[in-house]
Amino acid sequence: MCHLCSSTCLFSSFITSQTSYLPTTLKSTMPLLVGSQLVLPRNFEDVRCKCICPPYRNNSGHIYNKNVTQKDCTCLHVVEPMPVPGHDVEAYCLLCECKYEERSSTTIKVTIIIYLSVVGALLLYMLFLLLVDPLIRKHDPYTQPLHNEEDSESAAARGNTVLERVEGAQQRWKKQVQEQRKTVFDRHKLLS
């Protein structure tokens, strides 16, 4: 019987009935919303003892994880159920390598939130530039179009916005590359 309010009991029994077809490993990792709180499964801890046991006689190798203190991080405390009979336990445990592992899930969460925030801010900035760029580049119908390349180059150099300066530098770079290609191909023709 549930000791919480009846609607919470109905909700949790409904979730249990709806997930009965799922494998138990998947059900144990699914968060459950009870009332107004999110209840996470218990396998999300910051400390664990991990024992890696190689194959032994007719038993295959296996990895065991358990939440224990650092002093209890031994094969005898972590490996459950013991796959070998009582007289082989000591030999089996000597082959197992147990390590105590710690992590800070709070630091991981904060790092991910900061990373996603920066990426989101950059995407918003890119969208802003894509929307504002056509407005900045509106052509004034009262100005005369520049016919001379040098005039257009000097106008791009005098550009007030950063985008105009970058575009001018890009155009100058493209011209330099074309001149270099032409020079290289001319020299190649002379040598052949």
N, C-alpha and C. Protein backbone atom coordinates (compact mmCIF):
# COMPACT_ATOMS: atom_id res chain seq x y z
N MET A 1 0.83 -1.19 0.00
CA MET A 1 0.00 0.00 0.00
C MET A 1 0.87 1.24 0.00
N CYS A 2 0.39 2.30 -0.59
CA CYS A 2 1.11 3.56 -0.65
C CYS A 2 0.78 4.39 0.57
N HIS A 3 1.78 5.08 1.08
CA HIS A 3 1.58 5.97 2.21
C HIS A 3 1.49 7.41 1.76
N LEU A 4 1.66 7.68 0.48
CA LEU A 4 1.55 9.03 -0.06
C LEU A 4 0.11 9.29 -0.45
N CYS A 5 -0.15 10.42 -1.03
CA CYS A 5 -1.52 10.72 -1.44
C CYS A 5 -1.96 9.75 -2.53
N SER A 6 -3.26 9.54 -2.65
CA SER A 6 -3.78 8.52 -3.55
C SER A 6 -3.47 8.82 -5.02
N SER A 7 -3.46 10.10 -5.42
CA SER A 7 -3.16 10.41 -6.82
C SER A 7 -1.73 10.05 -7.18
N THR A 8 -0.82 10.23 -6.22
CA THR A 8 0.58 9.84 -6.47
C THR A 8 0.69 8.34 -6.59
N CYS A 9 -0.04 7.61 -5.76
CA CYS A 9 -0.02 6.14 -5.84
C CYS A 9 -0.59 5.67 -7.17
N LEU A 10 -1.69 6.29 -7.61
CA LEU A 10 -2.27 5.91 -8.89
C LEU A 10 -1.30 6.19 -10.02
N PHE A 11 -0.61 7.35 -9.96
CA PHE A 11 0.34 7.72 -11.00
C PHE A 11 1.50 6.72 -11.06
N SER A 12 2.08 6.40 -9.89
CA SER A 12 3.22 5.49 -9.88
C SER A 12 2.80 4.09 -10.29
N SER A 13 1.59 3.64 -9.92
CA SER A 13 1.14 2.32 -10.36
C SER A 13 0.87 2.32 -11.86
N PHE A 14 0.37 3.45 -12.39
CA PHE A 14 0.14 3.56 -13.83
C PHE A 14 1.47 3.47 -14.59
N ILE A 15 2.49 4.21 -14.10
CA ILE A 15 3.81 4.17 -14.75
C ILE A 15 4.37 2.75 -14.69
N THR A 16 4.22 2.09 -13.55
CA THR A 16 4.73 0.73 -13.42
C THR A 16 4.03 -0.20 -14.40
N SER A 17 2.72 -0.06 -14.53
CA SER A 17 1.99 -0.94 -15.45
C SER A 17 2.34 -0.64 -16.90
N GLN A 18 2.59 0.64 -17.22
CA GLN A 18 2.91 1.01 -18.60
C GLN A 18 4.32 0.61 -19.00
N THR A 19 5.20 0.44 -18.04
CA THR A 19 6.59 0.08 -18.36
C THR A 19 6.89 -1.38 -18.06
N SER A 20 5.85 -2.19 -17.86
CA SER A 20 6.07 -3.59 -17.52
C SER A 20 6.69 -4.37 -18.66
N TYR A 21 6.51 -3.91 -19.89
CA TYR A 21 7.09 -4.60 -21.04
C TYR A 21 8.56 -4.26 -21.25
N LEU A 22 9.07 -3.20 -20.58
CA LEU A 22 10.46 -2.80 -20.74
C LEU A 22 11.38 -3.73 -19.96
N PRO A 23 12.62 -3.92 -20.42
CA PRO A 23 13.58 -4.71 -19.66
C PRO A 23 13.87 -4.03 -18.32
N THR A 24 14.26 -4.82 -17.35
CA THR A 24 14.49 -4.27 -16.01
C THR A 24 15.63 -3.28 -16.00
N THR A 25 16.65 -3.45 -16.85
CA THR A 25 17.75 -2.49 -16.87
C THR A 25 17.29 -1.14 -17.36
N LEU A 26 16.36 -1.11 -18.33
CA LEU A 26 15.85 0.15 -18.83
C LEU A 26 14.93 0.80 -17.80
N LYS A 27 14.10 -0.02 -17.11
CA LYS A 27 13.21 0.53 -16.09
C LYS A 27 13.99 1.13 -14.93
N SER A 28 15.12 0.56 -14.61
CA SER A 28 15.88 1.07 -13.47
C SER A 28 16.57 2.40 -13.77
N THR A 29 16.74 2.73 -15.05
CA THR A 29 17.38 4.00 -15.39
C THR A 29 16.39 5.10 -15.71
N MET A 30 15.09 4.78 -15.76
CA MET A 30 14.09 5.79 -16.09
C MET A 30 13.76 6.62 -14.85
N PRO A 31 13.77 7.95 -14.97
CA PRO A 31 13.36 8.78 -13.84
C PRO A 31 11.85 8.70 -13.67
N LEU A 32 11.39 8.88 -12.44
CA LEU A 32 9.98 8.80 -12.13
C LEU A 32 9.53 10.11 -11.50
N LEU A 33 8.45 10.66 -12.01
CA LEU A 33 7.92 11.90 -11.49
C LEU A 33 6.85 11.56 -10.46
N VAL A 34 7.13 11.85 -9.19
CA VAL A 34 6.19 11.57 -8.12
C VAL A 34 5.80 12.89 -7.50
N GLY A 35 4.51 13.22 -7.61
CA GLY A 35 4.07 14.51 -7.09
C GLY A 35 4.72 15.61 -7.90
N SER A 36 5.43 16.50 -7.23
CA SER A 36 6.13 17.57 -7.93
C SER A 36 7.64 17.37 -7.90
N GLN A 37 8.09 16.19 -7.49
CA GLN A 37 9.52 15.92 -7.40
C GLN A 37 9.92 14.86 -8.41
N LEU A 38 11.11 15.00 -8.92
CA LEU A 38 11.65 14.03 -9.85
C LEU A 38 12.50 13.05 -9.06
N VAL A 39 12.15 11.77 -9.10
CA VAL A 39 12.87 10.76 -8.35
C VAL A 39 13.77 10.02 -9.33
N LEU A 40 15.07 10.15 -9.13
CA LEU A 40 16.03 9.50 -10.01
C LEU A 40 16.36 8.11 -9.48
N PRO A 41 16.73 7.20 -10.35
CA PRO A 41 17.13 5.87 -9.87
C PRO A 41 18.37 5.96 -9.00
N ARG A 42 18.60 4.95 -8.20
CA ARG A 42 19.67 4.96 -7.22
C ARG A 42 21.04 4.63 -7.81
N ASN A 43 21.16 4.32 -9.08
CA ASN A 43 22.46 3.96 -9.63
C ASN A 43 23.25 5.18 -10.10
N PHE A 44 22.89 6.36 -9.67
CA PHE A 44 23.58 7.59 -10.07
C PHE A 44 24.31 8.15 -8.85
N GLU A 45 25.46 7.59 -8.55
CA GLU A 45 26.25 8.03 -7.42
C GLU A 45 27.59 8.57 -7.89
N ASP A 46 28.23 9.31 -7.00
CA ASP A 46 29.52 9.92 -7.33
C ASP A 46 30.71 9.06 -6.93
N VAL A 47 30.49 8.03 -6.15
CA VAL A 47 31.59 7.15 -5.73
C VAL A 47 31.19 5.71 -6.01
N ARG A 48 32.18 4.91 -6.33
CA ARG A 48 31.93 3.50 -6.54
C ARG A 48 33.23 2.73 -6.44
N CYS A 49 33.09 1.46 -6.26
CA CYS A 49 34.23 0.56 -6.32
C CYS A 49 34.00 -0.33 -7.53
N LYS A 50 34.99 -0.38 -8.39
CA LYS A 50 34.87 -1.14 -9.63
C LYS A 50 35.90 -2.26 -9.61
N CYS A 51 35.42 -3.50 -9.67
CA CYS A 51 36.30 -4.66 -9.70
C CYS A 51 36.22 -5.33 -11.07
N ILE A 52 37.38 -5.49 -11.69
CA ILE A 52 37.46 -6.17 -12.98
C ILE A 52 38.09 -7.53 -12.74
N CYS A 53 37.27 -8.55 -12.96
CA CYS A 53 37.73 -9.91 -12.70
C CYS A 53 37.90 -10.65 -14.03
N PRO A 54 39.08 -11.21 -14.27
CA PRO A 54 39.34 -11.92 -15.53
C PRO A 54 38.68 -13.31 -15.50
N PRO A 55 38.67 -13.98 -16.64
CA PRO A 55 38.12 -15.35 -16.64
C PRO A 55 38.90 -16.25 -15.67
N TYR A 56 38.16 -17.12 -15.01
CA TYR A 56 38.77 -18.03 -14.03
C TYR A 56 38.10 -19.38 -14.18
N ARG A 57 38.88 -20.38 -14.53
CA ARG A 57 38.39 -21.73 -14.78
C ARG A 57 37.22 -21.72 -15.74
N ASN A 58 36.03 -22.11 -15.32
CA ASN A 58 34.90 -22.16 -16.25
C ASN A 58 34.03 -20.91 -16.18
N ASN A 59 34.46 -19.88 -15.44
CA ASN A 59 33.72 -18.62 -15.33
C ASN A 59 34.33 -17.59 -16.28
N SER A 60 33.46 -16.85 -16.96
CA SER A 60 33.95 -15.80 -17.85
C SER A 60 34.29 -14.56 -17.02
N GLY A 61 35.05 -13.65 -17.62
CA GLY A 61 35.40 -12.41 -16.93
C GLY A 61 34.18 -11.54 -16.72
N HIS A 62 34.24 -10.68 -15.69
CA HIS A 62 33.09 -9.85 -15.37
C HIS A 62 33.56 -8.57 -14.68
N ILE A 63 32.75 -7.52 -14.79
CA ILE A 63 33.03 -6.25 -14.12
C ILE A 63 31.94 -6.03 -13.09
N TYR A 64 32.35 -5.76 -11.86
CA TYR A 64 31.41 -5.55 -10.76
C TYR A 64 31.54 -4.11 -10.27
N ASN A 65 30.40 -3.45 -10.04
CA ASN A 65 30.35 -2.10 -9.50
C ASN A 65 29.48 -2.11 -8.26
N LYS A 66 29.95 -1.40 -7.23
CA LYS A 66 29.15 -1.31 -6.02
C LYS A 66 29.53 -0.05 -5.27
N ASN A 67 28.57 0.55 -4.59
CA ASN A 67 28.83 1.72 -3.76
C ASN A 67 29.26 1.27 -2.38
N VAL A 68 30.53 1.37 -2.13
CA VAL A 68 31.10 1.04 -0.82
C VAL A 68 32.12 2.10 -0.45
N THR A 69 32.55 2.11 0.78
CA THR A 69 33.59 3.05 1.19
C THR A 69 34.92 2.63 0.60
N GLN A 70 35.89 3.52 0.67
CA GLN A 70 37.19 3.25 0.07
C GLN A 70 37.89 2.09 0.77
N LYS A 71 37.72 1.98 2.08
CA LYS A 71 38.39 0.87 2.80
C LYS A 71 37.74 -0.48 2.51
N ASP A 72 36.46 -0.48 2.07
CA ASP A 72 35.77 -1.73 1.74
C ASP A 72 35.85 -2.06 0.26
N CYS A 73 36.69 -1.36 -0.47
CA CYS A 73 36.80 -1.59 -1.91
C CYS A 73 37.72 -2.79 -2.15
N THR A 74 37.20 -3.95 -1.88
CA THR A 74 37.92 -5.20 -2.12
C THR A 74 36.98 -6.17 -2.81
N CYS A 75 37.55 -7.20 -3.34
CA CYS A 75 36.78 -8.21 -4.07
C CYS A 75 35.74 -8.85 -3.16
N LEU A 76 36.06 -9.09 -1.90
CA LEU A 76 35.14 -9.75 -1.00
C LEU A 76 33.87 -8.94 -0.73
N HIS A 77 33.99 -7.61 -0.76
CA HIS A 77 32.84 -6.76 -0.49
C HIS A 77 32.05 -6.38 -1.75
N VAL A 78 32.70 -6.41 -2.90
CA VAL A 78 32.08 -5.91 -4.13
C VAL A 78 31.51 -7.04 -4.99
N VAL A 79 32.20 -8.14 -5.11
CA VAL A 79 31.78 -9.21 -6.01
C VAL A 79 30.63 -9.99 -5.35
N GLU A 80 29.45 -9.74 -5.85
CA GLU A 80 28.26 -10.44 -5.36
C GLU A 80 27.39 -10.77 -6.54
N PRO A 81 26.90 -11.94 -6.73
CA PRO A 81 27.24 -13.16 -5.99
C PRO A 81 28.61 -13.68 -6.42
N MET A 82 29.27 -14.34 -5.51
CA MET A 82 30.60 -14.88 -5.79
C MET A 82 30.44 -16.04 -6.78
N PRO A 83 31.11 -15.94 -7.94
CA PRO A 83 30.90 -16.95 -8.99
C PRO A 83 31.65 -18.27 -8.76
N VAL A 84 32.48 -18.34 -7.72
CA VAL A 84 33.26 -19.55 -7.47
C VAL A 84 32.90 -20.11 -6.10
N PRO A 85 33.12 -21.41 -5.90
CA PRO A 85 32.82 -22.00 -4.58
C PRO A 85 33.79 -21.47 -3.51
N GLY A 86 33.46 -21.70 -2.25
CA GLY A 86 34.18 -21.15 -1.10
C GLY A 86 35.67 -21.36 -1.09
N HIS A 87 36.19 -22.53 -1.47
CA HIS A 87 37.63 -22.78 -1.41
C HIS A 87 38.41 -22.05 -2.51
N ASP A 88 37.75 -21.60 -3.59
CA ASP A 88 38.41 -20.87 -4.68
C ASP A 88 38.26 -19.35 -4.57
N VAL A 89 37.58 -18.86 -3.55
CA VAL A 89 37.30 -17.43 -3.44
C VAL A 89 38.59 -16.62 -3.33
N GLU A 90 39.51 -17.08 -2.53
CA GLU A 90 40.76 -16.32 -2.33
C GLU A 90 41.57 -16.23 -3.62
N ALA A 91 41.67 -17.33 -4.35
CA ALA A 91 42.42 -17.33 -5.61
C ALA A 91 41.72 -16.45 -6.64
N TYR A 92 40.39 -16.50 -6.66
CA TYR A 92 39.63 -15.67 -7.60
C TYR A 92 39.81 -14.19 -7.28
N CYS A 93 39.75 -13.86 -6.00
CA CYS A 93 39.88 -12.45 -5.60
C CYS A 93 41.28 -11.90 -5.83
N LEU A 94 42.29 -12.74 -5.79
CA LEU A 94 43.65 -12.27 -6.09
C LEU A 94 43.79 -11.85 -7.55
N LEU A 95 43.01 -12.45 -8.43
CA LEU A 95 43.06 -12.09 -9.85
C LEU A 95 42.28 -10.81 -10.15
N CYS A 96 41.30 -10.49 -9.31
CA CYS A 96 40.46 -9.31 -9.56
C CYS A 96 41.21 -8.03 -9.21
N GLU A 97 41.00 -7.01 -10.03
CA GLU A 97 41.61 -5.70 -9.78
C GLU A 97 40.50 -4.73 -9.40
N CYS A 98 40.53 -4.24 -8.16
CA CYS A 98 39.49 -3.35 -7.66
C CYS A 98 40.04 -1.93 -7.52
N LYS A 99 39.26 -0.96 -8.00
CA LYS A 99 39.66 0.45 -7.93
C LYS A 99 38.51 1.26 -7.37
N TYR A 100 38.84 2.20 -6.50
CA TYR A 100 37.86 3.11 -5.95
C TYR A 100 37.82 4.34 -6.85
N GLU A 101 36.63 4.73 -7.31
CA GLU A 101 36.50 5.83 -8.25
C GLU A 101 35.56 6.89 -7.68
N GLU A 102 35.95 8.15 -7.85
CA GLU A 102 35.14 9.29 -7.42
C GLU A 102 34.97 10.23 -8.59
N ARG A 103 33.81 10.87 -8.63
CA ARG A 103 33.58 11.91 -9.62
C ARG A 103 32.66 12.95 -8.99
N SER A 104 32.65 14.10 -9.57
CA SER A 104 31.79 15.16 -9.08
C SER A 104 30.73 15.43 -10.14
N SER A 105 29.55 14.89 -9.92
CA SER A 105 28.48 15.07 -10.90
C SER A 105 28.05 16.53 -10.97
N THR A 106 28.19 17.26 -9.87
CA THR A 106 27.85 18.68 -9.88
C THR A 106 28.77 19.45 -10.82
N THR A 107 30.07 19.17 -10.77
CA THR A 107 31.02 19.82 -11.66
C THR A 107 30.73 19.46 -13.12
N ILE A 108 30.39 18.21 -13.36
CA ILE A 108 30.07 17.77 -14.72
C ILE A 108 28.83 18.51 -15.23
N LYS A 109 27.80 18.61 -14.39
CA LYS A 109 26.57 19.30 -14.79
C LYS A 109 26.84 20.78 -15.07
N VAL A 110 27.61 21.44 -14.19
CA VAL A 110 27.91 22.86 -14.38
C VAL A 110 28.70 23.08 -15.66
N THR A 111 29.67 22.21 -15.92
CA THR A 111 30.48 22.32 -17.14
C THR A 111 29.61 22.17 -18.39
N ILE A 112 28.71 21.20 -18.38
CA ILE A 112 27.83 20.99 -19.52
C ILE A 112 26.89 22.18 -19.71
N ILE A 113 26.36 22.71 -18.61
CA ILE A 113 25.46 23.87 -18.70
C ILE A 113 26.20 25.07 -19.27
N ILE A 114 27.43 25.32 -18.82
CA ILE A 114 28.22 26.44 -19.34
C ILE A 114 28.50 26.24 -20.83
N TYR A 115 28.91 25.03 -21.20
CA TYR A 115 29.20 24.73 -22.60
C TYR A 115 27.97 24.96 -23.48
N LEU A 116 26.82 24.42 -23.05
CA LEU A 116 25.61 24.59 -23.84
C LEU A 116 25.16 26.04 -23.89
N SER A 117 25.39 26.78 -22.80
CA SER A 117 25.05 28.21 -22.79
C SER A 117 25.89 28.99 -23.80
N VAL A 118 27.19 28.69 -23.85
CA VAL A 118 28.08 29.38 -24.79
C VAL A 118 27.68 29.04 -26.23
N VAL A 119 27.43 27.76 -26.49
CA VAL A 119 27.03 27.36 -27.84
C VAL A 119 25.70 28.02 -28.21
N GLY A 120 24.76 28.04 -27.27
CA GLY A 120 23.48 28.69 -27.53
C GLY A 120 23.63 30.18 -27.79
N ALA A 121 24.49 30.85 -27.00
CA ALA A 121 24.72 32.28 -27.21
C ALA A 121 25.34 32.54 -28.58
N LEU A 122 26.27 31.69 -28.99
CA LEU A 122 26.89 31.86 -30.31
C LEU A 122 25.87 31.63 -31.43
N LEU A 123 25.00 30.66 -31.25
CA LEU A 123 23.96 30.43 -32.26
C LEU A 123 23.00 31.61 -32.34
N LEU A 124 22.61 32.15 -31.19
CA LEU A 124 21.74 33.32 -31.19
C LEU A 124 22.43 34.52 -31.84
N TYR A 125 23.73 34.69 -31.58
CA TYR A 125 24.48 35.77 -32.19
C TYR A 125 24.55 35.60 -33.71
N MET A 126 24.73 34.35 -34.15
CA MET A 126 24.78 34.08 -35.59
C MET A 126 23.43 34.41 -36.23
N LEU A 127 22.34 33.99 -35.58
CA LEU A 127 21.01 34.32 -36.11
C LEU A 127 20.78 35.83 -36.15
N PHE A 128 21.24 36.51 -35.11
CA PHE A 128 21.12 37.97 -35.06
C PHE A 128 21.86 38.59 -36.23
N LEU A 129 23.09 38.14 -36.48
CA LEU A 129 23.86 38.69 -37.60
C LEU A 129 23.21 38.38 -38.94
N LEU A 130 22.63 37.18 -39.06
CA LEU A 130 21.97 36.84 -40.32
C LEU A 130 20.74 37.71 -40.56
N LEU A 131 20.05 38.08 -39.49
CA LEU A 131 18.87 38.93 -39.64
C LEU A 131 19.24 40.39 -39.83
N VAL A 132 20.29 40.85 -39.17
CA VAL A 132 20.66 42.26 -39.21
C VAL A 132 21.51 42.58 -40.43
N ASP A 133 22.24 41.63 -40.94
CA ASP A 133 23.14 41.87 -42.07
C ASP A 133 22.42 42.44 -43.28
N PRO A 134 21.28 41.91 -43.70
CA PRO A 134 20.59 42.52 -44.86
C PRO A 134 20.15 43.96 -44.57
N LEU A 135 19.82 44.26 -43.34
CA LEU A 135 19.41 45.63 -43.01
C LEU A 135 20.60 46.59 -43.08
N ILE A 136 21.77 46.11 -42.67
CA ILE A 136 22.97 46.95 -42.71
C ILE A 136 23.39 47.21 -44.15
N ARG A 137 23.23 46.22 -45.01
CA ARG A 137 23.72 46.31 -46.38
C ARG A 137 22.69 46.89 -47.34
N LYS A 138 21.68 47.57 -46.87
CA LYS A 138 20.71 48.20 -47.77
C LYS A 138 21.42 49.21 -48.67
N HIS A 139 21.11 49.13 -49.95
CA HIS A 139 21.73 50.05 -50.89
C HIS A 139 20.94 51.35 -50.92
N ASP A 140 21.66 52.45 -50.85
CA ASP A 140 21.04 53.76 -50.90
C ASP A 140 20.81 54.12 -52.36
N PRO A 141 19.57 54.35 -52.80
CA PRO A 141 19.32 54.62 -54.22
C PRO A 141 19.85 55.97 -54.66
N TYR A 142 20.21 56.84 -53.74
CA TYR A 142 20.66 58.19 -54.12
C TYR A 142 22.17 58.27 -54.32
N THR A 143 22.89 57.22 -53.97
CA THR A 143 24.34 57.26 -54.16
C THR A 143 24.69 56.71 -55.53
N GLN A 144 25.77 57.21 -56.07
CA GLN A 144 26.21 56.75 -57.38
C GLN A 144 26.97 55.44 -57.21
N PRO A 145 26.74 54.51 -58.11
CA PRO A 145 27.55 53.28 -58.03
C PRO A 145 28.99 53.58 -58.43
N LEU A 146 29.89 52.95 -57.76
CA LEU A 146 31.31 53.15 -58.05
C LEU A 146 31.70 52.25 -59.22
N HIS A 147 32.31 52.86 -60.20
CA HIS A 147 32.68 52.11 -61.39
C HIS A 147 34.11 51.63 -61.36
N ASN A 148 34.94 52.27 -60.64
CA ASN A 148 36.34 51.95 -60.64
C ASN A 148 36.67 50.97 -59.52
N GLU A 149 37.50 49.98 -59.80
CA GLU A 149 37.89 49.00 -58.78
C GLU A 149 38.60 49.65 -57.62
N GLU A 150 39.49 50.62 -57.93
CA GLU A 150 40.23 51.27 -56.86
C GLU A 150 39.30 52.06 -55.95
N ASP A 151 38.29 52.69 -56.54
CA ASP A 151 37.32 53.43 -55.73
C ASP A 151 36.55 52.49 -54.82
N SER A 152 36.16 51.33 -55.35
CA SER A 152 35.40 50.39 -54.52
C SER A 152 36.28 49.83 -53.42
N GLU A 153 37.57 49.64 -53.75
CA GLU A 153 38.50 49.13 -52.75
C GLU A 153 38.70 50.15 -51.64
N SER A 154 38.85 51.41 -51.99
CA SER A 154 39.05 52.43 -50.97
C SER A 154 37.78 52.65 -50.16
N ALA A 155 36.61 52.49 -50.79
CA ALA A 155 35.35 52.63 -50.05
C ALA A 155 35.20 51.48 -49.06
N ALA A 156 35.61 50.29 -49.47
CA ALA A 156 35.52 49.15 -48.55
C ALA A 156 36.48 49.33 -47.38
N ALA A 157 37.62 49.96 -47.64
CA ALA A 157 38.58 50.20 -46.55
C ALA A 157 38.05 51.24 -45.58
N ARG A 158 37.20 52.18 -46.09
CA ARG A 158 36.64 53.20 -45.21
C ARG A 158 35.36 52.74 -44.53
N GLY A 159 34.94 51.49 -44.75
CA GLY A 159 33.68 50.99 -44.21
C GLY A 159 33.59 51.15 -42.70
N ASN A 160 32.42 51.52 -42.27
CA ASN A 160 32.23 51.78 -40.85
C ASN A 160 31.98 50.50 -40.05
N THR A 161 31.35 49.52 -40.65
CA THR A 161 31.02 48.32 -39.90
C THR A 161 32.14 47.29 -40.01
N VAL A 162 32.14 46.42 -39.05
CA VAL A 162 33.15 45.35 -39.05
C VAL A 162 32.94 44.43 -40.25
N LEU A 163 31.68 44.18 -40.58
CA LEU A 163 31.42 43.30 -41.71
C LEU A 163 31.98 43.86 -43.01
N GLU A 164 31.87 45.16 -43.21
CA GLU A 164 32.41 45.77 -44.43
C GLU A 164 33.92 45.68 -44.46
N ARG A 165 34.55 45.88 -43.32
CA ARG A 165 36.02 45.77 -43.29
C ARG A 165 36.48 44.35 -43.59
N VAL A 166 35.78 43.37 -43.00
CA VAL A 166 36.15 41.97 -43.23
C VAL A 166 35.93 41.61 -44.69
N GLU A 167 34.83 42.08 -45.25
CA GLU A 167 34.56 41.80 -46.65
C GLU A 167 35.62 42.43 -47.56
N GLY A 168 36.05 43.66 -47.25
CA GLY A 168 37.09 44.32 -48.03
C GLY A 168 38.41 43.57 -47.95
N ALA A 169 38.77 43.11 -46.75
CA ALA A 169 40.00 42.33 -46.59
C ALA A 169 39.91 41.02 -47.35
N GLN A 170 38.74 40.41 -47.36
CA GLN A 170 38.55 39.17 -48.08
C GLN A 170 38.71 39.39 -49.59
N GLN A 171 38.16 40.47 -50.10
CA GLN A 171 38.28 40.77 -51.52
C GLN A 171 39.73 41.02 -51.92
N ARG A 172 40.45 41.78 -51.07
CA ARG A 172 41.88 42.02 -51.36
C ARG A 172 42.66 40.71 -51.35
N TRP A 173 42.35 39.84 -50.42
CA TRP A 173 43.04 38.56 -50.35
C TRP A 173 42.75 37.73 -51.60
N LYS A 174 41.51 37.72 -52.06
CA LYS A 174 41.17 36.96 -53.26
C LYS A 174 41.92 37.48 -54.47
N LYS A 175 42.05 38.81 -54.58
CA LYS A 175 42.79 39.39 -55.70
C LYS A 175 44.25 38.99 -55.65
N GLN A 176 44.84 39.01 -54.46
CA GLN A 176 46.24 38.62 -54.32
C GLN A 176 46.44 37.16 -54.72
N VAL A 177 45.52 36.29 -54.32
CA VAL A 177 45.63 34.87 -54.68
C VAL A 177 45.53 34.70 -56.19
N GLN A 178 44.61 35.43 -56.83
CA GLN A 178 44.48 35.33 -58.28
C GLN A 178 45.74 35.82 -58.99
N GLU A 179 46.34 36.90 -58.48
CA GLU A 179 47.57 37.40 -59.07
C GLU A 179 48.71 36.40 -58.91
N GLN A 180 48.78 35.77 -57.75
CA GLN A 180 49.83 34.77 -57.52
C GLN A 180 49.64 33.57 -58.44
N ARG A 181 48.40 33.13 -58.61
CA ARG A 181 48.14 32.01 -59.52
C ARG A 181 48.56 32.37 -60.94
N LYS A 182 48.20 33.56 -61.35
CA LYS A 182 48.54 34.00 -62.71
C LYS A 182 50.05 34.02 -62.88
N THR A 183 50.78 34.56 -61.89
CA THR A 183 52.24 34.63 -61.95
C THR A 183 52.85 33.23 -62.02
N VAL A 184 52.33 32.31 -61.17
CA VAL A 184 52.86 30.95 -61.15
C VAL A 184 52.61 30.26 -62.49
N PHE A 185 51.43 30.39 -63.06
CA PHE A 185 51.13 29.74 -64.33
C PHE A 185 51.93 30.36 -65.47
N ASP A 186 52.16 31.68 -65.43
CA ASP A 186 52.98 32.31 -66.45
C ASP A 186 54.40 31.80 -66.38
N ARG A 187 54.93 31.69 -65.17
CA ARG A 187 56.31 31.17 -65.02
C ARG A 187 56.38 29.72 -65.46
N HIS A 188 55.35 28.96 -65.18
CA HIS A 188 55.31 27.56 -65.58
C HIS A 188 55.34 27.43 -67.10
N LYS A 189 54.62 28.32 -67.79
CA LYS A 189 54.61 28.29 -69.25
C LYS A 189 55.97 28.68 -69.81
N LEU A 190 56.65 29.63 -69.15
CA LEU A 190 57.96 30.05 -69.62
C LEU A 190 58.97 28.92 -69.47
N LEU A 191 58.85 28.16 -68.38
CA LEU A 191 59.82 27.09 -68.14
C LEU A 191 59.57 25.87 -69.03
N SER A 192 58.35 25.69 -69.50
CA SER A 192 58.09 24.49 -70.30
C SER A 192 58.36 24.67 -71.75
